Amino acid sequence: MKHIISCLFFTGIYFLSIAQTYKVQWGDEMKVKKGSMDMDIIHADQTGVYMVEGRLKMKSYFVIGYSYGEDFKLYKFDPNYNVVYDKEYKKETKGLGFNSIQPLSGQLYLFAYDYKKKEKQYLIYGAKIDNATGNLIGDLQELCTFQLDSKKDDLDFVVKPSEDSTQWTVVGDITDDVSSRISVFVFDKNFSKKASAIINMGFAPGSFDLESVTYTAGDKLLVMGREYEVTETGKKKRRTRTFKTYVLTRYSNTGKKETEIPIDAGEKYMIGGRLIPQKSGETYLTGFYCNSKTRDMINGIFVYRIDVAKGTVTQSAFQQVTADMLSKPVEDDNDKGEESKEDAKGKENEEEDSEGFSASFIIRNIIQQPGTSTMLMIAEVYSFVQSTYTTSSYNSFSKTWQYRTRTRFIFTNGDLLVINTDLANNKINRVTVIPKKQVEMISDNSGTRNSPNSSSTIGPVSFFAKNGGMPFYSSTTPLLVKDKLIFLINDHSDNAAVKKPGDKVKAISNFKKSTAYALAMDINTGEINRKALLTNEDDPVLMPRFGFVSGNDVYMPAMKMKLMGKTEVKMGKISIK
């Protein structure tokens, strides 16, 4: 593939609007194996752009989160988009499992792991990468060990940079048969250990989902997650989980529980949130609340200022959100994506076999305007449904019935919600709704077998999962350019004039016929300008969710999958002034 990628070159296309200038640059298409490509643009600096290419692993959380397999490469492109190097690290990671390549303060790092079954241990390794050459700076060194209490050969763990990009947090789920437990390690950029803790959260297995682990400036660990009530129902004693409450707990850097921080206020009950630590040492919590203990709907938005040392909420702000603020999309029967006969037949059993959760807002991004106290929380209406169905056919030659199992994944990415908050005064200035509806259906064919396959289940987004390989063409990556918040989205061409919730919105499901738009929102007024950038018809389709923001540039791949033949991929950059 090297000779194909190395001939990348870019041509410029310019689009003008009153407020912004958009320059779109694309490289040549390159052919990749069907289903084997996942492009992760991880970093960009003055010397070039860095991308990891890898093969997706089929895990239980495959759709929502993924991890790379044995075949992976790190590519660096120079400012003219010629390949500087491509590295596989097979020799360096021999005998180890590959975890990730990530940046911290502009420096690239490689992480790998090893499992010692006899000792019931997972060992995590790390090394710096020379950005200029792609070579490791020294050998992989052992960072930490996760000790398991059982002989299970799988461990959910994640390596994450801190919000301020100064240190690494490594978290592993070491839950045993008695209670939910995690092991946490914190390292600086040179891999010097700053903290090590085993935290027993005291919840029965399956009744707690971890959402965040934050190491604060005061050397405390804030652990936030969702508690569930677990019950057994039916003859088969199927376990069902009912969301009970959010829990925010402060622990010492050795894992000792110190205090639970109350996050429900009066008759306002938290149903989704995100911690935002500040360099000053302050910590904010923002999210959604419900006016009922049932926590079955969103009634508004909140922002808390938390005194970590005291374990209390010192200031709070609330803003009501009502259903009439949201758009009411119109379906377009002429804009359906390609669908096989088997897909259509499977719809008959979809309602019975589906596993998923209803539409709700999910916090996608937190952006703070430099030099000000303005924070922008960006949320999106999101729902995911999985259904599995089986079709049968009789083989007269073998005189047997054959069964073909197909799994359908339906992602719905709806309205964007932008909450403009003044952190200095702990005040919500404005709530802006940007209407859209993207419905992306992806089918996975498991092949023909002599007996039916059983359905698999994919749960909520896991703390230990990455951003995920699907959906491909929905959602967005925002960037702030001065006082304009820019969203790049694939949308229906009939939505060119859509700017506010009262406008009629046509849902887009056939992304091969979509148009890529730039939506510029004035953060001071909430006013929105929309500009068509390009059409995705007859070309690889833009993948806005995979964009990497570097200053006023967004590096972004595009992809076209084919029923027969190799997948087409190209890379590009959108510059905004």
Protein backbone atom coordinates (compact mmCIF):
# COMPACT_ATOMS: atom_id res chain seq x y z
CA MET A 1 0.00 0.00 0.00
CA LYS A 2 2.98 2.27 0.54
CA HIS A 3 3.44 3.13 -3.10
CA ILE A 4 -0.26 4.03 -3.34
CA ILE A 5 -0.27 6.26 -0.29
CA SER A 6 3.04 7.92 -1.14
CA CYS A 7 1.59 9.45 -4.28
CA LEU A 8 -1.02 11.41 -2.34
CA PHE A 9 -1.36 14.94 -3.53
CA PHE A 10 -3.92 17.59 -2.82
CA THR A 11 -5.81 20.06 -4.96
CA GLY A 12 -7.62 23.01 -3.50
CA ILE A 13 -11.26 23.99 -3.80
CA TYR A 14 -12.41 27.29 -2.33
CA PHE A 15 -15.80 28.22 -0.99
CA LEU A 16 -16.63 31.69 0.26
CA SER A 17 -19.18 32.86 2.76
CA ILE A 18 -19.70 36.22 4.36
CA ALA A 19 -18.02 35.24 7.62
CA GLN A 20 -15.70 32.34 6.77
CA THR A 21 -13.49 31.09 3.96
CA TYR A 22 -13.36 27.30 3.56
CA LYS A 23 -10.50 25.62 1.71
CA VAL A 24 -11.04 21.92 1.03
CA GLN A 25 -8.06 19.81 -0.03
CA TRP A 26 -8.26 16.15 -1.03
CA GLY A 27 -5.72 13.49 -1.85
CA ASP A 28 -5.93 10.64 -4.35
CA GLU A 29 -8.08 7.64 -3.57
CA MET A 30 -6.35 4.52 -2.28
CA LYS A 31 -7.71 0.98 -2.30
CA VAL A 32 -7.86 -1.03 0.91
CA LYS A 33 -9.15 -4.46 1.79
CA LYS A 34 -12.85 -4.65 2.39
CA GLY A 35 -13.72 -4.27 6.06
CA SER A 36 -10.08 -4.05 7.13
CA MET A 37 -9.56 -0.30 7.31
CA ASP A 38 -10.02 2.05 10.21
CA MET A 39 -8.29 5.41 9.99
CA ASP A 40 -7.49 7.32 13.16
CA ILE A 41 -5.83 10.70 12.66
CA ILE A 42 -4.19 11.10 16.04
CA HIS A 43 -2.03 14.20 15.80
CA ALA A 44 -0.90 17.09 13.58
CA ASP A 45 1.93 19.59 14.00
CA GLN A 46 4.02 21.90 11.85
CA THR A 47 6.00 18.97 10.43
CA GLY A 48 3.04 16.87 9.31
CA VAL A 49 0.03 14.70 10.07
CA TYR A 50 0.06 11.35 11.92
CA MET A 51 -2.43 8.56 11.21
CA VAL A 52 -2.88 5.03 12.57
CA GLU A 53 -4.32 2.38 10.27
CA GLY A 54 -5.59 -0.84 11.84
CA ARG A 55 -7.83 -3.86 11.54
CA LEU A 56 -10.98 -3.88 13.66
CA LYS A 57 -11.43 -6.59 16.27
CA MET A 58 -14.85 -8.20 16.57
CA LYS A 59 -15.56 -7.70 20.25
CA SER A 60 -18.81 -7.40 22.19
CA TYR A 61 -18.57 -3.62 22.01
CA PHE A 62 -17.36 -3.61 18.40
CA VAL A 63 -19.93 -1.14 17.10
CA ILE A 64 -19.56 1.45 19.84
CA GLY A 65 -15.90 0.95 20.62
CA TYR A 66 -13.03 -0.81 18.99
CA SER A 67 -9.40 -1.72 19.46
CA TYR A 68 -6.77 -2.38 16.84
CA GLY A 69 -5.67 -5.90 16.01
CA GLU A 70 -2.22 -7.24 15.13
CA ASP A 71 -2.03 -5.41 11.78
CA PHE A 72 -1.49 -1.73 12.41
CA LYS A 73 0.68 1.04 11.01
CA LEU A 74 1.65 4.55 11.98
CA TYR A 75 1.85 6.89 9.00
CA LYS A 76 3.34 10.36 8.91
CA PHE A 77 2.58 12.74 6.05
CA ASP A 78 4.63 15.91 5.51
CA PRO A 79 2.96 19.33 4.95
CA ASN A 80 2.73 18.48 1.23
CA TYR A 81 1.04 15.17 2.12
CA ASN A 82 3.91 12.96 0.96
CA VAL A 83 4.56 9.93 3.17
CA VAL A 84 7.53 10.48 5.50
CA TYR A 85 7.34 6.98 7.01
CA ASP A 86 5.05 4.06 7.77
CA LYS A 87 5.83 1.90 10.79
CA GLU A 88 4.39 -1.46 11.88
CA TYR A 89 6.38 -2.12 15.13
CA LYS A 90 6.08 -5.89 14.69
CA LYS A 91 9.58 -6.45 16.04
CA GLU A 92 9.14 -4.05 18.97
CA THR A 93 5.79 -5.58 20.05
CA LYS A 94 6.62 -9.24 19.35
CA GLY A 95 4.75 -11.42 21.85
CA LEU A 96 2.62 -8.48 23.03
CA GLY A 97 -0.84 -7.20 22.24
CA PHE A 98 -1.11 -3.73 20.71
CA ASN A 99 -3.25 -1.21 22.59
CA SER A 100 -2.86 2.24 21.05
CA ILE A 101 -0.71 5.08 19.79
CA GLN A 102 -1.65 8.40 21.37
CA PRO A 103 -0.22 11.91 21.73
CA LEU A 104 0.55 13.78 24.95
CA SER A 105 1.72 17.39 24.75
CA GLY A 106 2.73 16.84 21.12
CA GLN A 107 4.77 13.68 21.85
CA LEU A 108 3.59 10.32 20.46
CA TYR A 109 3.49 7.21 22.69
CA LEU A 110 2.91 3.52 21.96
CA PHE A 111 1.14 1.22 24.46
CA ALA A 112 1.03 -2.59 24.50
CA TYR A 113 0.09 -5.36 26.93
CA ASP A 114 0.87 -8.93 27.92
CA TYR A 115 -1.25 -11.52 29.73
CA LYS A 116 0.29 -14.07 32.06
CA LYS A 117 -2.45 -16.62 32.61
CA LYS A 118 -0.68 -18.62 35.31
CA GLU A 119 -0.08 -15.52 37.43
CA LYS A 120 -3.47 -14.00 36.42
CA GLN A 121 -1.76 -10.74 35.51
CA TYR A 122 -2.05 -8.15 32.78
CA LEU A 123 1.13 -6.16 32.22
CA ILE A 124 0.98 -2.78 30.50
CA TYR A 125 3.96 -1.43 28.54
CA GLY A 126 4.72 1.97 27.05
CA ALA A 127 7.35 3.80 25.03
CA LYS A 128 7.85 7.21 23.48
CA ILE A 129 7.98 7.52 19.71
CA ASP A 130 10.37 9.81 17.88
CA ASN A 131 7.91 11.94 15.89
CA ALA A 132 10.53 12.68 13.23
CA THR A 133 11.44 9.06 12.42
CA GLY A 134 8.68 6.94 13.91
CA ASN A 135 11.22 4.85 15.82
CA LEU A 136 10.74 4.03 19.49
CA ILE A 137 12.86 6.06 21.89
CA GLY A 138 14.29 3.14 23.85
CA ASP A 139 12.58 -0.18 24.51
CA LEU A 140 9.02 -0.70 25.69
CA GLN A 141 9.06 -0.48 29.48
CA GLU A 142 6.71 -2.10 31.96
CA LEU A 143 4.43 0.54 33.45
CA CYS A 144 2.02 -1.35 35.70
CA THR A 145 0.38 -4.68 36.44
CA PHE A 146 -3.30 -5.50 36.86
CA GLN A 147 -3.74 -8.42 39.25
CA LEU A 148 -6.92 -10.42 38.59
CA ASP A 149 -8.73 -12.59 41.11
CA SER A 150 -10.03 -15.02 38.51
CA LYS A 151 -8.56 -16.84 35.54
CA LYS A 152 -10.56 -14.86 32.98
CA ASP A 153 -8.34 -14.16 29.99
CA ASP A 154 -9.79 -10.76 29.13
CA LEU A 155 -9.42 -7.40 30.82
CA ASP A 156 -11.12 -4.10 30.10
CA PHE A 157 -8.49 -1.42 30.48
CA VAL A 158 -7.82 1.98 28.97
CA VAL A 159 -4.90 4.39 28.73
CA LYS A 160 -6.04 8.01 28.59
CA PRO A 161 -4.29 11.40 28.62
CA SER A 162 -5.51 13.96 31.14
CA GLU A 163 -7.70 16.87 30.04
CA ASP A 164 -4.71 19.24 30.22
CA SER A 165 -2.43 16.77 28.37
CA THR A 166 0.17 16.56 31.16
CA GLN A 167 -0.16 12.98 32.43
CA TRP A 168 -1.48 9.49 31.69
CA THR A 169 -4.22 7.65 33.56
CA VAL A 170 -4.36 3.86 33.21
CA VAL A 171 -7.59 2.25 34.47
CA GLY A 172 -8.44 -1.46 34.54
CA ASP A 173 -11.68 -3.21 35.51
CA ILE A 174 -10.72 -5.84 38.09
CA THR A 175 -14.28 -6.55 39.24
CA ASP A 176 -14.55 -9.91 41.01
CA ASP A 177 -17.53 -12.08 41.94
CA VAL A 178 -18.30 -9.91 44.97
CA SER A 179 -18.04 -6.24 43.99
CA SER A 180 -17.10 -3.70 41.33
CA ARG A 181 -13.43 -2.76 41.55
CA ILE A 182 -11.00 -0.78 39.44
CA SER A 183 -7.24 -0.40 39.52
CA VAL A 184 -5.87 3.07 38.70
CA PHE A 185 -2.33 4.22 37.86
CA VAL A 186 -1.22 7.77 37.04
CA PHE A 187 2.04 8.54 35.21
CA ASP A 188 3.70 11.73 34.07
CA LYS A 189 4.99 12.22 30.50
CA ASN A 190 8.23 10.41 31.40
CA PHE A 191 6.35 7.39 32.83
CA SER A 192 7.18 8.25 36.43
CA LYS A 193 4.40 6.88 38.63
CA LYS A 194 2.43 9.58 40.46
CA ALA A 195 -0.35 7.47 41.97
CA SER A 196 -1.46 3.85 42.33
CA ALA A 197 -4.81 2.80 43.77
CA ILE A 198 -7.18 -0.14 43.94
CA ILE A 199 -10.71 1.20 44.39
CA ASN A 200 -13.48 -1.04 45.71
CA MET A 201 -16.67 0.80 44.79
CA GLY A 202 -18.90 -1.51 46.81
CA PHE A 203 -21.46 -2.26 44.08
CA ALA A 204 -22.56 -5.75 43.14
CA PRO A 205 -21.16 -6.93 39.78
CA GLY A 206 -23.30 -5.67 36.91
CA SER A 207 -24.94 -2.89 38.94
CA PHE A 208 -22.43 -0.12 38.18
CA ASP A 209 -21.09 1.35 34.93
CA LEU A 210 -17.94 3.42 35.15
CA GLU A 211 -18.09 6.74 33.24
CA SER A 212 -15.01 8.71 34.29
CA VAL A 213 -11.91 8.63 36.48
CA THR A 214 -10.26 12.03 37.07
CA TYR A 215 -7.01 12.69 38.89
CA THR A 216 -7.32 16.18 40.33
CA ALA A 217 -4.71 18.89 41.01
CA GLY A 218 -5.08 18.08 44.73
CA ASP A 219 -3.99 14.45 44.20
CA LYS A 220 -7.52 13.11 44.58
CA LEU A 221 -9.38 10.62 42.41
CA LEU A 222 -12.93 11.49 41.33
CA VAL A 223 -14.88 8.45 40.15
CA MET A 224 -18.24 8.92 38.45
CA GLY A 225 -20.64 6.28 37.19
CA ARG A 226 -24.19 5.02 36.87
CA GLU A 227 -25.76 2.74 39.48
CA TYR A 228 -28.42 0.25 38.35
CA GLU A 229 -31.00 -1.91 40.05
CA VAL A 230 -30.61 -5.47 38.76
CA THR A 231 -33.58 -7.86 38.72
CA GLU A 232 -34.22 -11.32 37.28
CA THR A 233 -37.35 -11.79 35.16
CA GLY A 234 -39.03 -14.60 33.24
CA LYS A 235 -38.54 -18.32 33.22
CA LYS A 236 -35.01 -17.99 31.91
CA LYS A 237 -34.22 -15.52 34.72
CA ARG A 238 -32.98 -12.87 32.35
CA ARG A 239 -31.27 -10.02 34.17
CA THR A 240 -32.63 -6.56 33.54
CA ARG A 241 -31.07 -3.31 34.69
CA THR A 242 -32.94 -0.16 35.64
CA PHE A 243 -30.98 3.07 35.95
CA LYS A 244 -31.07 4.20 39.57
CA THR A 245 -28.73 7.16 40.11
CA TYR A 246 -25.47 8.84 39.25
CA VAL A 247 -22.68 8.48 41.80
CA LEU A 248 -19.71 10.84 42.21
CA THR A 249 -17.16 9.77 44.83
CA ARG A 250 -13.82 11.20 45.95
CA TYR A 251 -10.98 8.80 46.79
CA SER A 252 -7.45 9.37 48.02
CA ASN A 253 -4.57 8.67 45.65
CA THR A 254 -4.17 5.31 47.40
CA GLY A 255 -7.81 4.30 46.84
CA LYS A 256 -9.35 5.12 50.21
CA LYS A 257 -12.95 6.32 49.97
CA GLU A 258 -13.27 9.81 51.45
CA THR A 259 -16.68 11.24 50.53
CA GLU A 260 -19.61 11.03 48.15
CA ILE A 261 -20.36 14.35 46.49
CA PRO A 262 -24.12 15.06 46.23
CA ILE A 263 -25.07 15.80 42.62
CA ASP A 264 -28.87 15.85 42.84
CA ALA A 265 -30.28 19.25 43.81
CA GLY A 266 -33.77 19.40 45.30
CA GLU A 267 -36.16 18.03 42.70
CA LYS A 268 -33.54 18.05 39.96
CA TYR A 269 -32.03 14.60 39.36
CA MET A 270 -28.92 14.11 37.25
CA ILE A 271 -29.26 11.77 34.25
CA GLY A 272 -26.04 12.49 32.34
CA GLY A 273 -22.93 14.52 32.95
CA ARG A 274 -19.26 15.19 32.38
CA LEU A 275 -16.49 16.34 34.72
CA ILE A 276 -14.37 19.27 33.54
CA PRO A 277 -11.21 19.80 35.63
CA GLN A 278 -9.48 23.18 35.33
CA LYS A 279 -5.77 24.02 35.47
CA SER A 280 -6.58 26.28 38.43
CA GLY A 281 -7.62 23.21 40.43
CA GLU A 282 -11.36 23.88 40.22
CA THR A 283 -13.63 21.19 38.83
CA TYR A 284 -16.95 21.64 37.04
CA LEU A 285 -19.69 19.12 36.36
CA THR A 286 -22.13 19.77 33.55
CA GLY A 287 -24.94 17.69 32.12
CA PHE A 288 -28.69 17.04 32.08
CA TYR A 289 -31.32 16.68 34.79
CA CYS A 290 -34.83 15.34 35.20
CA ASN A 291 -37.53 16.76 37.48
CA SER A 292 -38.55 13.26 38.59
CA LYS A 293 -36.79 10.43 40.43
CA THR A 294 -37.78 8.18 37.53
CA ARG A 295 -35.11 9.98 35.47
CA ASP A 296 -37.00 9.04 32.31
CA MET A 297 -36.72 12.33 30.41
CA ILE A 298 -34.59 15.45 30.09
CA ASN A 299 -36.01 18.57 31.67
CA GLY A 300 -32.96 20.80 31.61
CA ILE A 301 -29.23 21.48 31.80
CA PHE A 302 -27.07 22.11 34.85
CA VAL A 303 -23.56 23.36 35.63
CA TYR A 304 -21.96 22.75 39.05
CA ARG A 305 -18.79 24.22 40.47
CA ILE A 306 -17.26 21.60 42.79
CA ASP A 307 -14.92 22.18 45.71
CA VAL A 308 -13.00 18.91 45.55
CA ALA A 309 -11.25 19.47 48.90
CA LYS A 310 -14.56 19.95 50.75
CA GLY A 311 -16.49 17.47 48.60
CA THR A 312 -19.36 19.89 48.00
CA VAL A 313 -21.07 21.76 45.17
CA THR A 314 -20.37 25.44 45.81
CA GLN A 315 -22.35 26.95 42.91
CA SER A 316 -24.99 25.71 40.51
CA ALA A 317 -26.86 26.94 37.45
CA PHE A 318 -29.91 25.42 35.74
CA GLN A 319 -31.63 25.98 32.39
CA GLN A 320 -34.91 24.37 31.34
CA VAL A 321 -35.12 22.46 28.05
CA THR A 322 -38.53 21.70 26.56
CA ALA A 323 -39.63 19.37 23.77
CA ASP A 324 -40.79 22.23 21.54
CA MET A 325 -37.18 23.45 21.35
CA LEU A 326 -36.25 20.39 19.31
CA SER A 327 -36.83 19.78 15.61
CA LYS A 328 -39.46 17.49 14.12
CA PRO A 329 -37.74 15.86 11.13
CA VAL A 330 -39.59 14.78 8.00
CA GLU A 331 -38.74 11.40 6.51
CA ASP A 332 -37.93 11.27 2.79
CA ASP A 333 -39.10 8.06 1.11
CA ASN A 334 -36.99 8.88 -1.96
CA ASP A 335 -33.79 9.01 0.08
CA LYS A 336 -33.48 5.47 1.38
CA GLY A 337 -30.08 3.81 1.49
CA GLU A 338 -29.37 0.65 -0.44
CA GLU A 339 -31.04 -2.35 1.10
CA SER A 340 -30.81 -6.01 0.24
CA LYS A 341 -33.80 -8.33 0.07
CA GLU A 342 -32.54 -10.08 3.21
CA ASP A 343 -32.41 -6.72 5.03
CA ALA A 344 -35.99 -5.98 4.04
CA LYS A 345 -37.16 -9.43 5.12
CA GLY A 346 -35.42 -9.03 8.46
CA LYS A 347 -37.49 -5.95 9.29
CA GLU A 348 -40.43 -8.23 10.08
CA ASN A 349 -38.71 -9.43 13.27
CA GLU A 350 -36.82 -6.26 14.15
CA GLU A 351 -39.17 -5.04 16.84
CA GLU A 352 -39.11 -8.37 18.64
CA ASP A 353 -35.35 -8.94 18.47
CA SER A 354 -33.95 -5.43 18.92
CA GLU A 355 -31.67 -4.43 21.77
CA GLY A 356 -31.01 -0.73 22.34
CA PHE A 357 -31.89 2.42 24.14
CA SER A 358 -34.22 5.29 23.33
CA ALA A 359 -33.06 8.63 21.94
CA SER A 360 -31.30 10.89 24.42
CA PHE A 361 -28.70 13.64 24.51
CA ILE A 362 -25.08 12.56 24.80
CA ILE A 363 -22.34 15.07 25.59
CA ARG A 364 -19.93 15.01 22.64
CA ASN A 365 -17.52 17.88 23.26
CA ILE A 366 -16.49 20.51 25.78
CA ILE A 367 -14.77 23.56 24.26
CA GLN A 368 -13.48 26.55 26.21
CA GLN A 369 -12.88 29.84 24.43
CA PRO A 370 -9.24 30.87 24.97
CA GLY A 371 -8.72 33.93 27.16
CA THR A 372 -12.32 33.94 28.39
CA SER A 373 -14.50 32.14 30.93
CA THR A 374 -16.86 30.93 28.18
CA MET A 375 -17.40 27.17 28.01
CA LEU A 376 -19.38 25.51 25.23
CA MET A 377 -20.95 22.14 25.94
CA ILE A 378 -21.98 20.33 22.76
CA ALA A 379 -24.51 17.52 23.00
CA GLU A 380 -26.27 15.44 20.39
CA VAL A 381 -29.52 13.50 20.24
CA TYR A 382 -28.37 9.93 19.80
CA SER A 383 -29.90 6.47 19.73
CA PHE A 384 -28.59 3.05 18.82
CA VAL A 385 -30.57 -0.10 18.04
CA GLN A 386 -29.21 -3.54 17.25
CA SER A 387 -31.36 -6.32 15.82
CA THR A 388 -30.45 -9.82 14.71
CA TYR A 389 -32.53 -11.95 12.38
CA THR A 390 -32.08 -15.23 10.51
CA THR A 391 -33.22 -16.24 7.04
CA SER A 392 -33.27 -19.84 5.82
CA SER A 393 -32.95 -21.63 2.50
CA TYR A 394 -33.07 -25.31 1.53
CA ASN A 395 -30.06 -26.80 -0.26
CA SER A 396 -31.45 -29.55 -2.50
CA PHE A 397 -27.97 -30.91 -3.23
CA SER A 398 -26.99 -31.46 0.41
CA LYS A 399 -30.62 -31.88 1.47
CA THR A 400 -30.10 -29.58 4.42
CA TRP A 401 -31.45 -26.26 5.55
CA GLN A 402 -28.98 -23.43 5.68
CA TYR A 403 -29.36 -20.35 7.84
CA ARG A 404 -27.93 -16.90 7.22
CA THR A 405 -27.76 -14.61 10.23
CA ARG A 406 -27.60 -10.87 9.72
CA THR A 407 -27.17 -8.21 12.37
CA ARG A 408 -28.48 -4.73 11.70
CA PHE A 409 -27.09 -1.67 13.49
CA ILE A 410 -29.16 1.51 13.27
CA PHE A 411 -27.59 4.74 14.48
CA THR A 412 -29.67 7.90 14.76
CA ASN A 413 -27.78 11.16 15.26
CA GLY A 414 -30.21 14.04 15.70
CA ASP A 415 -30.22 17.64 16.88
CA LEU A 416 -27.10 19.32 18.20
CA LEU A 417 -27.44 21.29 21.41
CA VAL A 418 -24.89 24.01 22.23
CA ILE A 419 -24.89 25.33 25.81
CA ASN A 420 -22.98 28.60 26.24
CA THR A 421 -21.84 28.91 29.86
CA ASP A 422 -20.01 31.66 31.75
CA LEU A 423 -17.84 29.72 34.20
CA ALA A 424 -16.65 32.85 36.06
CA ASN A 425 -20.21 33.69 37.07
CA ASN A 426 -21.51 30.08 36.92
CA LYS A 427 -24.28 31.16 34.54
CA ILE A 428 -25.83 29.55 31.48
CA ASN A 429 -25.94 32.32 28.87
CA ARG A 430 -27.68 30.62 25.97
CA VAL A 431 -28.95 27.30 24.63
CA THR A 432 -28.85 26.92 20.85
CA VAL A 433 -30.46 24.00 19.00
CA ILE A 434 -29.10 23.05 15.58
CA PRO A 435 -31.64 20.79 13.84
CA LYS A 436 -30.59 17.69 11.90
CA LYS A 437 -31.40 14.01 11.61
CA GLN A 438 -28.97 11.39 10.32
CA VAL A 439 -30.04 7.73 10.23
CA GLU A 440 -27.26 5.29 9.37
CA MET A 441 -28.02 1.60 8.94
CA ILE A 442 -25.17 -0.90 8.78
CA SER A 443 -25.65 -4.63 8.28
CA ASP A 444 -23.17 -7.32 9.27
CA ASN A 445 -23.49 -10.65 7.50
CA SER A 446 -22.17 -13.51 9.62
CA GLY A 447 -22.32 -15.97 6.72
CA THR A 448 -24.18 -19.15 5.94
CA ARG A 449 -24.29 -21.85 8.60
CA ASN A 450 -26.07 -25.13 9.19
CA SER A 451 -27.68 -23.84 12.38
CA PRO A 452 -28.96 -20.42 13.43
CA ASN A 453 -26.80 -18.06 15.41
CA SER A 454 -28.08 -16.51 18.60
CA SER A 455 -28.42 -12.76 18.97
CA SER A 456 -25.65 -10.76 20.52
CA THR A 457 -26.19 -7.79 22.76
CA ILE A 458 -24.37 -4.49 22.77
CA GLY A 459 -24.86 -2.31 25.81
CA PRO A 460 -24.32 1.39 26.51
CA VAL A 461 -21.10 3.16 25.61
CA SER A 462 -18.32 1.71 27.76
CA PHE A 463 -15.71 3.78 29.58
CA PHE A 464 -13.16 1.26 28.33
CA ALA A 465 -14.22 1.53 24.67
CA LYS A 466 -12.70 3.99 22.25
CA ASN A 467 -14.70 6.28 20.00
CA GLY A 468 -15.62 3.42 17.74
CA GLY A 469 -15.59 2.52 14.06
CA MET A 470 -19.32 3.08 13.53
CA PRO A 471 -21.30 4.99 12.48
CA PHE A 472 -19.16 6.07 9.57
CA TYR A 473 -20.79 9.19 8.13
CA SER A 474 -23.01 10.61 10.88
CA SER A 475 -22.33 13.07 13.72
CA THR A 476 -19.68 15.80 13.59
CA THR A 477 -16.38 17.21 14.84
CA PRO A 478 -16.71 20.88 15.92
CA LEU A 479 -13.99 23.50 16.04
CA LEU A 480 -13.90 27.04 17.40
CA VAL A 481 -12.61 29.76 15.06
CA LYS A 482 -12.53 33.08 16.95
CA ASP A 483 -16.19 33.66 17.93
CA LYS A 484 -17.64 31.07 15.53
CA LEU A 485 -18.30 27.43 16.38
CA ILE A 486 -18.03 25.42 13.15
CA PHE A 487 -19.78 22.09 12.56
CA LEU A 488 -19.04 19.90 9.53
CA ILE A 489 -21.90 17.51 8.76
CA ASN A 490 -23.31 15.30 6.01
CA ASP A 491 -26.92 16.31 5.37
CA HIS A 492 -29.81 16.16 2.93
CA SER A 493 -29.41 18.60 0.03
CA ASP A 494 -32.94 19.90 0.69
CA ASN A 495 -31.80 21.18 4.11
CA ALA A 496 -29.69 23.99 2.63
CA ALA A 497 -31.82 26.66 4.33
CA VAL A 498 -32.28 24.89 7.68
CA LYS A 499 -30.95 27.05 10.54
CA LYS A 500 -33.42 26.84 13.44
CA PRO A 501 -35.70 24.20 15.05
CA GLY A 502 -38.85 25.58 13.42
CA ASP A 503 -37.48 24.77 9.96
CA LYS A 504 -38.52 21.49 8.37
CA VAL A 505 -35.69 18.98 8.38
CA LYS A 506 -35.44 16.03 6.01
CA ALA A 507 -33.72 13.00 7.50
CA ILE A 508 -30.70 11.73 5.57
CA SER A 509 -30.10 7.99 5.36
CA ASN A 510 -28.46 7.51 1.97
CA PHE A 511 -25.14 9.23 2.56
CA LYS A 512 -23.94 8.50 -0.98
CA LYS A 513 -26.40 11.21 -2.02
CA SER A 514 -25.64 13.61 0.83
CA THR A 515 -24.09 17.07 0.81
CA ALA A 516 -21.31 18.12 3.18
CA TYR A 517 -22.17 21.41 4.91
CA ALA A 518 -20.32 23.79 7.18
CA LEU A 519 -22.52 25.32 9.87
CA ALA A 520 -21.06 28.40 11.57
CA MET A 521 -22.70 29.40 14.85
CA ASP A 522 -21.96 32.81 16.37
CA ILE A 523 -21.30 32.00 20.03
CA ASN A 524 -22.42 35.49 21.12
CA THR A 525 -25.80 35.51 19.37
CA GLY A 526 -26.52 31.88 18.49
CA GLU A 527 -27.09 32.89 14.84
CA ILE A 528 -26.26 30.13 12.33
CA ASN A 529 -24.95 30.39 8.76
CA ARG A 530 -24.92 27.29 6.57
CA LYS A 531 -22.65 26.71 3.57
CA ALA A 532 -22.55 23.74 1.18
CA LEU A 533 -18.95 22.55 0.79
CA LEU A 534 -19.16 19.57 -1.52
CA THR A 535 -21.35 16.72 -2.66
CA ASN A 536 -20.61 13.15 -1.61
CA GLU A 537 -22.25 11.70 -4.71
CA ASP A 538 -19.93 9.58 -6.88
CA ASP A 539 -17.04 10.13 -4.43
CA PRO A 540 -15.92 8.63 -1.11
CA VAL A 541 -18.17 10.03 1.60
CA LEU A 542 -16.82 12.52 4.14
CA MET A 543 -16.42 11.12 7.68
CA PRO A 544 -16.87 14.20 9.94
CA ARG A 545 -16.91 12.21 13.21
CA PHE A 546 -13.31 11.10 12.58
CA GLY A 547 -11.97 14.62 12.09
CA PHE A 548 -8.88 15.83 13.95
CA VAL A 549 -8.80 19.53 14.85
CA SER A 550 -5.48 21.37 14.71
CA GLY A 551 -5.85 25.13 15.04
CA ASN A 552 -8.22 26.26 12.28
CA ASP A 553 -7.75 23.04 10.29
CA VAL A 554 -9.69 19.79 10.39
CA TYR A 555 -7.97 16.69 8.99
CA MET A 556 -10.57 14.20 7.84
CA PRO A 557 -10.86 10.90 5.94
CA ALA A 558 -13.51 9.93 3.40
CA MET A 559 -14.56 6.39 2.52
CA LYS A 560 -16.68 4.49 0.05
CA MET A 561 -17.53 0.86 0.81
CA LYS A 562 -18.55 -1.45 -2.01
CA LEU A 563 -20.54 -4.67 -2.02
CA MET A 564 -17.91 -6.13 -4.34
CA GLY A 565 -14.28 -5.07 -4.49
CA LYS A 566 -12.03 -3.04 -2.26
CA THR A 567 -12.99 -0.08 -0.12
CA GLU A 568 -11.95 3.34 -1.42
CA VAL A 569 -10.40 5.79 1.03
CA LYS A 570 -8.93 9.26 0.69
CA MET A 571 -7.71 11.86 3.13
CA GLY A 572 -8.28 15.58 3.22
CA LYS A 573 -8.04 18.81 5.15
CA ILE A 574 -10.58 21.60 5.59
CA SER A 575 -9.05 24.95 6.51
CA ILE A 576 -11.25 27.71 7.89
CA LYS A 577 -10.55 31.43 8.14
